[in-house]
């Protein structure tokens, strides 16, 4: 799951999501499911924003390559939080 900043327009959400999808599939991952949960109020402000667009993805990915995905999501400016389970 990752949360996009409220500064991202609704038209840009699919573009950012496809960039994450492409990175996963290019590095040997398999996408299983994706849900756009929409814009919701955050429990607490993150980077001076109170709302965020939630995206939930299920995918298969090798453990050692997870560091590369972590670095990619950390470097993407529109993503304000993410969580791997």
N, C-alpha and C. Protein backbone atom coordinates (compact mmCIF):
# COMPACT_ATOMS: atom_id res chain seq x y z
N UNK A 1 0.85 -1.16 0.00
CA UNK A 1 0.00 0.00 0.00
C UNK A 1 0.90 1.23 0.00
N UNK A 2 0.48 2.22 -0.75
CA UNK A 2 1.17 3.50 -0.70
C UNK A 2 0.15 4.62 -0.76
N UNK A 3 0.54 5.78 -0.25
CA UNK A 3 -0.32 6.95 -0.19
C UNK A 3 0.32 8.05 -1.01
N UNK A 4 -0.46 8.61 -1.91
CA UNK A 4 0.00 9.72 -2.74
C UNK A 4 -0.43 11.04 -2.10
N UNK A 5 0.38 12.04 -2.27
CA UNK A 5 0.10 13.36 -1.74
C UNK A 5 -1.18 13.94 -2.34
N UNK A 6 -1.82 14.82 -1.59
CA UNK A 6 -3.03 15.46 -2.11
C UNK A 6 -2.71 16.45 -3.21
N UNK A 7 -1.43 16.81 -3.39
CA UNK A 7 -1.02 17.70 -4.47
C UNK A 7 -1.11 17.01 -5.83
N UNK A 8 -1.18 15.69 -5.84
CA UNK A 8 -1.29 14.93 -7.08
C UNK A 8 -2.74 15.02 -7.58
N UNK A 9 -2.91 15.36 -8.84
CA UNK A 9 -4.26 15.45 -9.40
C UNK A 9 -4.81 14.05 -9.68
N UNK A 10 -6.12 13.96 -9.79
CA UNK A 10 -6.75 12.67 -10.06
C UNK A 10 -6.32 12.09 -11.40
N UNK A 11 -5.95 12.94 -12.34
CA UNK A 11 -5.50 12.47 -13.65
C UNK A 11 -4.08 11.89 -13.60
N UNK A 12 -3.29 12.31 -12.62
CA UNK A 12 -1.91 11.84 -12.50
C UNK A 12 -1.78 10.53 -11.72
N UNK A 13 -2.81 10.15 -10.99
CA UNK A 13 -2.74 8.93 -10.17
C UNK A 13 -2.48 7.69 -11.02
N UNK A 14 -3.20 7.46 -12.14
CA UNK A 14 -2.89 6.28 -12.96
C UNK A 14 -1.47 6.29 -13.53
N UNK A 15 -0.95 7.45 -13.84
CA UNK A 15 0.42 7.55 -14.37
C UNK A 15 1.44 7.11 -13.33
N UNK A 16 1.28 7.58 -12.12
CA UNK A 16 2.20 7.21 -11.04
C UNK A 16 2.07 5.73 -10.72
N UNK A 17 0.83 5.25 -10.68
CA UNK A 17 0.58 3.84 -10.40
C UNK A 17 1.18 2.93 -11.47
N UNK A 18 1.08 3.34 -12.73
CA UNK A 18 1.66 2.53 -13.80
C UNK A 18 3.18 2.54 -13.75
N UNK A 19 3.76 3.63 -13.26
CA UNK A 19 5.22 3.70 -13.09
C UNK A 19 5.68 2.68 -12.04
N UNK A 20 4.93 2.58 -10.94
CA UNK A 20 5.26 1.60 -9.90
C UNK A 20 5.05 0.18 -10.45
N UNK A 21 3.94 -0.04 -11.17
CA UNK A 21 3.67 -1.36 -11.77
C UNK A 21 4.80 -1.77 -12.71
N UNK A 22 5.24 -0.84 -13.53
CA UNK A 22 6.30 -1.13 -14.51
C UNK A 22 7.60 -1.49 -13.80
N UNK A 23 7.92 -0.78 -12.73
CA UNK A 23 9.15 -1.08 -11.99
C UNK A 23 9.09 -2.49 -11.39
N UNK A 24 7.94 -2.85 -10.84
CA UNK A 24 7.78 -4.19 -10.26
C UNK A 24 7.93 -5.27 -11.32
N UNK A 25 7.23 -5.11 -12.44
CA UNK A 25 7.28 -6.13 -13.48
C UNK A 25 8.64 -6.18 -14.18
N UNK A 26 9.32 -5.04 -14.33
CA UNK A 26 10.65 -5.02 -14.95
C UNK A 26 11.70 -5.72 -14.10
N UNK A 27 11.47 -5.78 -12.80
CA UNK A 27 12.42 -6.41 -11.89
C UNK A 27 12.00 -7.82 -11.48
N UNK A 28 11.15 -8.45 -12.27
CA UNK A 28 10.81 -9.84 -12.04
C UNK A 28 9.61 -10.08 -11.14
N UNK A 29 8.89 -9.05 -10.77
CA UNK A 29 7.71 -9.22 -9.93
C UNK A 29 6.47 -9.51 -10.76
N UNK A 30 5.46 -10.04 -10.10
CA UNK A 30 4.19 -10.35 -10.75
C UNK A 30 3.08 -9.61 -10.03
N UNK A 31 2.34 -8.77 -10.76
CA UNK A 31 1.23 -8.04 -10.16
C UNK A 31 0.01 -8.95 -10.08
N UNK A 32 -0.62 -8.99 -8.91
CA UNK A 32 -1.79 -9.84 -8.71
C UNK A 32 -3.08 -9.04 -8.70
N UNK A 33 -3.07 -7.92 -7.98
CA UNK A 33 -4.29 -7.15 -7.80
C UNK A 33 -3.93 -5.71 -7.48
N UNK A 34 -4.81 -4.79 -7.88
CA UNK A 34 -4.61 -3.38 -7.55
C UNK A 34 -5.96 -2.76 -7.28
N UNK A 35 -6.04 -2.01 -6.18
CA UNK A 35 -7.27 -1.29 -5.83
C UNK A 35 -6.93 0.17 -5.58
N UNK A 36 -7.64 1.02 -6.27
CA UNK A 36 -7.53 2.46 -6.01
C UNK A 36 -8.58 2.78 -4.96
N UNK A 37 -8.17 3.00 -3.73
CA UNK A 37 -9.10 3.21 -2.64
C UNK A 37 -9.62 4.64 -2.57
N UNK A 38 -8.99 5.52 -3.30
CA UNK A 38 -9.47 6.89 -3.38
C UNK A 38 -8.84 7.81 -2.36
N UNK A 39 -9.34 9.04 -2.34
CA UNK A 39 -8.82 10.07 -1.47
C UNK A 39 -9.49 9.96 -0.10
N UNK A 40 -8.67 9.96 0.94
CA UNK A 40 -9.17 9.85 2.30
C UNK A 40 -8.39 10.80 3.20
N UNK A 41 -9.01 11.13 4.32
CA UNK A 41 -8.35 11.98 5.30
C UNK A 41 -7.33 11.13 6.07
N UNK A 42 -6.14 11.68 6.25
CA UNK A 42 -5.09 10.99 6.99
C UNK A 42 -5.34 11.12 8.49
N UNK A 43 -4.85 10.16 9.25
CA UNK A 43 -5.01 10.20 10.70
C UNK A 43 -4.23 11.37 11.32
N UNK A 44 -3.13 11.74 10.69
CA UNK A 44 -2.32 12.86 11.15
C UNK A 44 -1.65 13.47 9.92
N UNK A 45 -1.29 14.75 9.98
CA UNK A 45 -0.66 15.39 8.81
C UNK A 45 0.70 14.77 8.48
N UNK A 46 0.94 14.56 7.20
CA UNK A 46 2.21 14.07 6.70
C UNK A 46 2.70 15.08 5.66
N UNK A 47 3.88 15.63 5.88
CA UNK A 47 4.45 16.64 4.98
C UNK A 47 3.46 17.77 4.70
N UNK A 48 2.82 18.22 5.75
CA UNK A 48 1.86 19.35 5.71
C UNK A 48 0.64 19.07 4.84
N UNK A 49 0.24 17.84 4.70
CA UNK A 49 -0.97 17.51 3.96
C UNK A 49 -1.89 16.68 4.85
N UNK A 50 -3.17 16.88 4.70
CA UNK A 50 -4.15 16.19 5.55
C UNK A 50 -4.92 15.10 4.80
N UNK A 51 -4.83 15.09 3.48
CA UNK A 51 -5.53 14.09 2.67
C UNK A 51 -4.53 13.37 1.79
N UNK A 52 -4.88 12.14 1.42
CA UNK A 52 -4.01 11.38 0.54
C UNK A 52 -4.81 10.40 -0.28
N UNK A 53 -4.26 10.00 -1.40
CA UNK A 53 -4.89 9.03 -2.30
C UNK A 53 -4.26 7.67 -2.02
N UNK A 54 -5.07 6.72 -1.57
CA UNK A 54 -4.60 5.40 -1.18
C UNK A 54 -4.63 4.43 -2.36
N UNK A 55 -3.56 3.66 -2.53
CA UNK A 55 -3.48 2.63 -3.56
C UNK A 55 -3.00 1.35 -2.88
N UNK A 56 -3.77 0.28 -3.05
CA UNK A 56 -3.43 -1.02 -2.47
C UNK A 56 -3.08 -1.97 -3.60
N UNK A 57 -1.88 -2.55 -3.54
CA UNK A 57 -1.42 -3.48 -4.58
C UNK A 57 -1.01 -4.79 -3.95
N UNK A 58 -1.34 -5.88 -4.64
CA UNK A 58 -0.84 -7.20 -4.26
C UNK A 58 0.06 -7.68 -5.37
N UNK A 59 1.24 -8.18 -5.00
CA UNK A 59 2.19 -8.64 -6.01
C UNK A 59 3.13 -9.67 -5.39
N UNK A 60 3.71 -10.49 -6.24
CA UNK A 60 4.75 -11.43 -5.84
C UNK A 60 6.09 -10.81 -6.23
N UNK A 61 7.04 -10.87 -5.31
CA UNK A 61 8.33 -10.22 -5.54
C UNK A 61 9.37 -10.95 -4.71
N UNK A 62 10.55 -11.11 -5.23
CA UNK A 62 11.62 -11.78 -4.50
C UNK A 62 12.13 -10.90 -3.36
N UNK A 63 12.38 -11.51 -2.23
CA UNK A 63 12.83 -10.78 -1.04
C UNK A 63 14.07 -9.94 -1.23
N UNK A 64 15.14 -10.49 -1.82
CA UNK A 64 16.36 -9.68 -1.98
C UNK A 64 16.17 -8.45 -2.87
N UNK A 65 15.22 -8.49 -3.77
CA UNK A 65 15.00 -7.35 -4.67
C UNK A 65 14.10 -6.29 -4.03
N UNK A 66 13.58 -6.57 -2.85
CA UNK A 66 12.68 -5.63 -2.19
C UNK A 66 13.38 -4.33 -1.83
N UNK A 67 14.67 -4.37 -1.64
CA UNK A 67 15.44 -3.15 -1.33
C UNK A 67 15.39 -2.17 -2.50
N UNK A 68 15.44 -2.69 -3.71
CA UNK A 68 15.37 -1.81 -4.89
C UNK A 68 14.00 -1.14 -4.98
N UNK A 69 12.94 -1.90 -4.69
CA UNK A 69 11.59 -1.32 -4.70
C UNK A 69 11.46 -0.28 -3.58
N UNK A 70 12.01 -0.57 -2.43
CA UNK A 70 11.99 0.37 -1.32
C UNK A 70 12.68 1.68 -1.71
N UNK A 71 13.83 1.59 -2.34
CA UNK A 71 14.55 2.79 -2.79
C UNK A 71 13.77 3.56 -3.84
N UNK A 72 13.11 2.85 -4.74
CA UNK A 72 12.32 3.50 -5.80
C UNK A 72 11.16 4.30 -5.19
N UNK A 73 10.40 3.66 -4.28
CA UNK A 73 9.26 4.34 -3.68
C UNK A 73 9.70 5.50 -2.79
N UNK A 74 10.83 5.34 -2.14
CA UNK A 74 11.35 6.41 -1.28
C UNK A 74 11.76 7.63 -2.11
N UNK A 75 12.22 7.40 -3.33
CA UNK A 75 12.68 8.51 -4.17
C UNK A 75 11.56 9.20 -4.96
N UNK A 76 10.40 8.60 -5.01
CA UNK A 76 9.28 9.20 -5.75
C UNK A 76 8.63 10.29 -4.90
N UNK A 77 8.65 11.50 -5.38
CA UNK A 77 8.15 12.66 -4.65
C UNK A 77 6.65 12.58 -4.31
N UNK A 78 5.77 12.11 -5.21
CA UNK A 78 4.35 12.10 -4.88
C UNK A 78 3.96 11.09 -3.79
N UNK A 79 4.77 10.06 -3.56
CA UNK A 79 4.44 9.06 -2.55
C UNK A 79 4.91 9.56 -1.18
N UNK A 80 3.94 9.74 -0.27
CA UNK A 80 4.29 10.27 1.05
C UNK A 80 4.46 9.17 2.09
N UNK A 81 3.83 8.02 1.91
CA UNK A 81 4.02 6.87 2.79
C UNK A 81 3.78 5.60 2.00
N UNK A 82 4.44 4.51 2.44
CA UNK A 82 4.22 3.20 1.83
C UNK A 82 4.50 2.13 2.86
N UNK A 83 3.95 0.94 2.62
CA UNK A 83 4.11 -0.16 3.56
C UNK A 83 4.11 -1.46 2.79
N UNK A 84 5.10 -2.30 3.07
CA UNK A 84 5.16 -3.64 2.50
C UNK A 84 4.76 -4.63 3.59
N UNK A 85 3.92 -5.57 3.25
CA UNK A 85 3.55 -6.63 4.19
C UNK A 85 3.78 -7.95 3.52
